[in-house]
Amino acid sequence: MADNTNHGTHTRGSMDISSHQQTYAGFWTGTKIIVSGCILLAIFLAIFRTG
């Protein structure tokens, strides 16, 4: 089991979250690119379908 020792004090708002924000922004950028690519692929397939 985990021990309940005190690991120091924490002041709310003191943590550096810049890397978390960059990761989150990168995730959403990648998501937008992938979704846009899927939509463009679907449009391409709808336009140039055969038979």
Protein backbone atom coordinates (compact mmCIF):
# COMPACT_ATOMS: atom_id res chain seq x y z
CA MET A 1 0.00 0.00 0.00
CA ALA A 2 1.08 3.56 -0.48
CA ASP A 3 2.42 5.32 2.52
CA ASN A 4 0.81 8.55 3.60
CA THR A 5 3.96 10.48 4.32
CA ASN A 6 4.01 14.20 3.72
CA HIS A 7 5.85 14.96 0.49
CA GLY A 8 6.10 18.67 1.10
CA THR A 9 3.70 21.50 0.72
CA HIS A 10 2.05 22.55 -2.49
CA THR A 11 1.05 26.07 -3.35
CA ARG A 12 -1.88 26.20 -5.73
CA GLY A 13 -0.89 27.68 -9.11
CA SER A 14 2.86 27.28 -8.59
CA MET A 15 3.41 24.33 -10.95
CA ASP A 16 4.98 25.00 -14.36
CA ILE A 17 2.53 23.58 -16.89
CA SER A 18 4.04 24.97 -20.08
CA SER A 19 5.01 21.51 -21.37
CA HIS A 20 1.49 20.25 -20.63
CA GLN A 21 0.01 23.14 -22.60
CA GLN A 22 2.34 22.47 -25.54
CA THR A 23 1.37 18.79 -25.54
CA TYR A 24 -2.33 19.66 -25.42
CA ALA A 25 -1.95 22.15 -28.28
CA GLY A 26 -0.02 19.58 -30.31
CA PHE A 27 -2.71 16.97 -29.68
CA TRP A 28 -5.43 19.28 -30.98
CA THR A 29 -3.35 20.34 -33.97
CA GLY A 30 -2.78 16.70 -34.90
CA THR A 31 -6.46 15.92 -34.40
CA LYS A 32 -7.48 18.76 -36.72
CA ILE A 33 -5.03 17.63 -39.39
CA ILE A 34 -6.19 14.01 -39.25
CA VAL A 35 -9.89 14.90 -39.31
CA SER A 36 -9.33 17.33 -42.19
CA GLY A 37 -7.43 14.65 -44.09
CA CYS A 38 -10.24 12.13 -43.57
CA ILE A 39 -12.83 14.63 -44.81
CA LEU A 40 -10.72 15.47 -47.88
CA LEU A 41 -10.21 11.77 -48.58
CA ALA A 42 -13.96 11.15 -48.36
CA ILE A 43 -14.64 14.04 -50.74
CA PHE A 44 -11.97 12.78 -53.15
CA LEU A 45 -13.44 9.28 -53.10
CA ALA A 46 -16.96 10.62 -53.62
CA ILE A 47 -15.89 12.70 -56.62
CA PHE A 48 -13.72 10.11 -58.36
CA ARG A 49 -15.63 6.95 -57.55
CA THR A 50 -15.93 4.37 -60.30
CA GLY A 51 -19.09 2.72 -61.39
